[in-house]
Amino acid sequence: IARHFGITRRGGLSLLVLTAQRETAPGKTVSLPATAAGNVTSLIGHVQPLALHAAREGDVHYVLAQFEAVDQEVLKFDLQITPQGADKPITLQFQQQFYRD
């Protein structure tokens, strides 16, 4: 699967997977193609621009990006996602702590 999407697998790399969806009926959604831009920032201020690219598997559309994370690192994500047909991007911000096996 990693090869299919052009993803390099090695220690220290993590994968961000986004999917834009539209609700078509209560509890029913459809996946939408989307574009995205953004970066990830460590708590000490190291910024990694994300190379986000679109991928598709069957009827499901994804936006993927790889980034580096060290064990127990907390990273802040700042993303602008534009689903197909949207007038303006959707801002998504969150932070996550990462653990390595």
C-alpha atoms as a PDB file:
ATOM      1  CA  ILE A   1       0.000   0.000   0.000  1.00  0.00           C
ATOM      2  CA  ALA A   2       2.834   2.408   0.859  1.00  0.00           C
ATOM      3  CA  ARG A   3       4.456   1.832  -2.542  1.00  0.00           C
ATOM      4  CA  HIS A   4       1.095   2.311  -4.279  1.00  0.00           C
ATOM      5  CA  PHE A   5       0.810   5.825  -2.803  1.00  0.00           C
ATOM      6  CA  GLY A   6       4.532   6.668  -3.170  1.00  0.00           C
ATOM      7  CA  ILE A   7       5.158   6.615   0.587  1.00  0.00           C
ATOM      8  CA  THR A   8       8.631   5.977   1.960  1.00  0.00           C
ATOM      9  CA  ARG A   9       8.639   3.798   5.065  1.00  0.00           C
ATOM     10  CA  ARG A  10      11.433   4.383   7.575  1.00  0.00           C
ATOM     11  CA  GLY A  11      11.866   5.137  11.261  1.00  0.00           C
ATOM     12  CA  GLY A  12      11.067   8.679  12.282  1.00  0.00           C
ATOM     13  CA  LEU A  13       8.575   9.286   9.474  1.00  0.00           C
ATOM     14  CA  SER A  14       4.871   9.605  10.178  1.00  0.00           C
ATOM     15  CA  LEU A  15       1.966   9.866   7.761  1.00  0.00           C
ATOM     16  CA  LEU A  16      -0.847  12.420   7.796  1.00  0.00           C
ATOM     17  CA  VAL A  17      -4.014  11.175   6.068  1.00  0.00           C
ATOM     18  CA  LEU A  18      -6.878  13.576   5.382  1.00  0.00           C
ATOM     19  CA  THR A  19     -10.184  12.908   3.683  1.00  0.00           C
ATOM     20  CA  ALA A  20     -12.837  15.518   2.925  1.00  0.00           C
ATOM     21  CA  GLN A  21     -16.420  14.344   3.153  1.00  0.00           C
ATOM     22  CA  ARG A  22     -19.846  15.788   2.440  1.00  0.00           C
ATOM     23  CA  GLU A  23     -22.924  14.607   4.297  1.00  0.00           C
ATOM     24  CA  THR A  24     -25.499  13.438   1.763  1.00  0.00           C
ATOM     25  CA  ALA A  25     -28.095  12.298   4.309  1.00  0.00           C
ATOM     26  CA  PRO A  26     -28.082  11.908   8.091  1.00  0.00           C
ATOM     27  CA  GLY A  27     -25.271   9.460   8.832  1.00  0.00           C
ATOM     28  CA  LYS A  28     -24.302   9.113   5.144  1.00  0.00           C
ATOM     29  CA  THR A  29     -21.228  10.744   3.606  1.00  0.00           C
ATOM     30  CA  VAL A  30     -19.413  10.813   0.299  1.00  0.00           C
ATOM     31  CA  SER A  31     -15.662  11.350  -0.108  1.00  0.00           C
ATOM     32  CA  LEU A  32     -14.603  14.479  -2.028  1.00  0.00           C
ATOM     33  CA  PRO A  33     -11.401  15.295  -3.885  1.00  0.00           C
ATOM     34  CA  ALA A  34      -9.531  18.063  -2.071  1.00  0.00           C
ATOM     35  CA  THR A  35      -6.335  20.059  -2.065  1.00  0.00           C
ATOM     36  CA  ALA A  36      -4.470  21.136   1.033  1.00  0.00           C
ATOM     37  CA  ALA A  37      -1.519  23.177   2.233  1.00  0.00           C
ATOM     38  CA  GLY A  38       0.042  23.501   5.638  1.00  0.00           C
ATOM     39  CA  ASN A  39       2.845  22.846   8.020  1.00  0.00           C
ATOM     40  CA  VAL A  40       3.681  21.120  11.258  1.00  0.00           C
ATOM     41  CA  THR A  41       5.536  22.899  14.077  1.00  0.00           C
ATOM     42  CA  SER A  42       7.355  21.479  17.098  1.00  0.00           C
ATOM     43  CA  LEU A  43       6.893  23.072  20.506  1.00  0.00           C
ATOM     44  CA  ILE A  44      10.367  24.635  20.182  1.00  0.00           C
ATOM     45  CA  GLY A  45       9.372  26.290  16.890  1.00  0.00           C
ATOM     46  CA  HIS A  46      10.879  23.992  14.232  1.00  0.00           C
ATOM     47  CA  VAL A  47       8.567  24.270  11.206  1.00  0.00           C
ATOM     48  CA  GLN A  48       8.176  21.500   8.623  1.00  0.00           C
ATOM     49  CA  PRO A  49       6.250  22.509   5.492  1.00  0.00           C
ATOM     50  CA  LEU A  50       4.014  19.619   4.446  1.00  0.00           C
ATOM     51  CA  ALA A  51       4.196  18.298   0.880  1.00  0.00           C
ATOM     52  CA  LEU A  52       0.519  17.358   0.656  1.00  0.00           C
ATOM     53  CA  HIS A  53      -0.613  15.385  -2.380  1.00  0.00           C
ATOM     54  CA  ALA A  54      -3.876  13.860  -3.509  1.00  0.00           C
ATOM     55  CA  ALA A  55      -4.423  10.105  -3.721  1.00  0.00           C
ATOM     56  CA  ARG A  56      -7.415   7.949  -4.510  1.00  0.00           C
ATOM     57  CA  GLU A  57      -8.399   4.390  -3.727  1.00  0.00           C
ATOM     58  CA  GLY A  58     -11.695   3.372  -5.301  1.00  0.00           C
ATOM     59  CA  ASP A  59     -14.317   5.960  -4.337  1.00  0.00           C
ATOM     60  CA  VAL A  60     -12.253   7.377  -1.455  1.00  0.00           C
ATOM     61  CA  HIS A  61     -10.138  10.500  -1.960  1.00  0.00           C
ATOM     62  CA  TYR A  62      -7.208  11.275   0.337  1.00  0.00           C
ATOM     63  CA  VAL A  63      -4.685  14.043   0.867  1.00  0.00           C
ATOM     64  CA  LEU A  64      -1.406  12.600   2.205  1.00  0.00           C
ATOM     65  CA  ALA A  65       1.813  14.016   3.638  1.00  0.00           C
ATOM     66  CA  GLN A  66       4.804  12.551   5.430  1.00  0.00           C
ATOM     67  CA  PHE A  67       6.589  14.362   8.234  1.00  0.00           C
ATOM     68  CA  GLU A  68       9.279  13.663  10.785  1.00  0.00           C
ATOM     69  CA  ALA A  69       8.534  13.101  14.469  1.00  0.00           C
ATOM     70  CA  VAL A  70      10.716  11.908  17.328  1.00  0.00           C
ATOM     71  CA  ASP A  71       9.552   9.762  20.251  1.00  0.00           C
ATOM     72  CA  GLN A  72       7.159  11.613  22.591  1.00  0.00           C
ATOM     73  CA  GLU A  73       7.284  14.802  20.500  1.00  0.00           C
ATOM     74  CA  VAL A  74       4.232  17.080  20.489  1.00  0.00           C
ATOM     75  CA  LEU A  75       3.560  18.628  17.082  1.00  0.00           C
ATOM     76  CA  LYS A  76       1.104  21.358  16.099  1.00  0.00           C
ATOM     77  CA  PHE A  77      -0.595  21.079  12.705  1.00  0.00           C
ATOM     78  CA  ASP A  78      -1.892  24.075  10.767  1.00  0.00           C
ATOM     79  CA  LEU A  79      -3.746  23.096   7.582  1.00  0.00           C
ATOM     80  CA  GLN A  80      -5.868  24.741   4.913  1.00  0.00           C
ATOM     81  CA  ILE A  81      -8.078  22.169   3.150  1.00  0.00           C
ATOM     82  CA  THR A  82     -10.169  22.992   0.086  1.00  0.00           C
ATOM     83  CA  PRO A  83     -12.708  20.310  -0.875  1.00  0.00           C
ATOM     84  CA  GLN A  84     -13.819  20.234  -4.497  1.00  0.00           C
ATOM     85  CA  GLY A  85     -16.626  22.768  -4.983  1.00  0.00           C
ATOM     86  CA  ALA A  86     -15.797  24.782  -1.846  1.00  0.00           C
ATOM     87  CA  ASP A  87     -15.672  28.585  -2.059  1.00  0.00           C
ATOM     88  CA  LYS A  88     -12.861  28.904   0.476  1.00  0.00           C
ATOM     89  CA  PRO A  89     -10.466  26.647   2.390  1.00  0.00           C
ATOM     90  CA  ILE A  90     -11.324  25.076   5.725  1.00  0.00           C
ATOM     91  CA  THR A  91      -8.785  25.740   8.473  1.00  0.00           C
ATOM     92  CA  LEU A  92      -7.830  22.737  10.577  1.00  0.00           C
ATOM     93  CA  GLN A  93      -5.521  23.146  13.571  1.00  0.00           C
ATOM     94  CA  PHE A  94      -4.645  20.485  16.124  1.00  0.00           C
ATOM     95  CA  GLN A  95      -1.752  19.102  18.087  1.00  0.00           C
ATOM     96  CA  GLN A  96      -0.714  15.513  18.661  1.00  0.00           C
ATOM     97  CA  GLN A  97       1.934  13.695  20.658  1.00  0.00           C
ATOM     98  CA  PHE A  98       3.790  10.943  18.800  1.00  0.00           C
ATOM     99  CA  TYR A  99       5.242   7.706  20.182  1.00  0.00           C
ATOM    100  CA  ARG A 100       7.600   5.369  18.359  1.00  0.00           C
ATOM    101  CA  ASP A 101       7.642   1.608  18.867  1.00  0.00           C
END
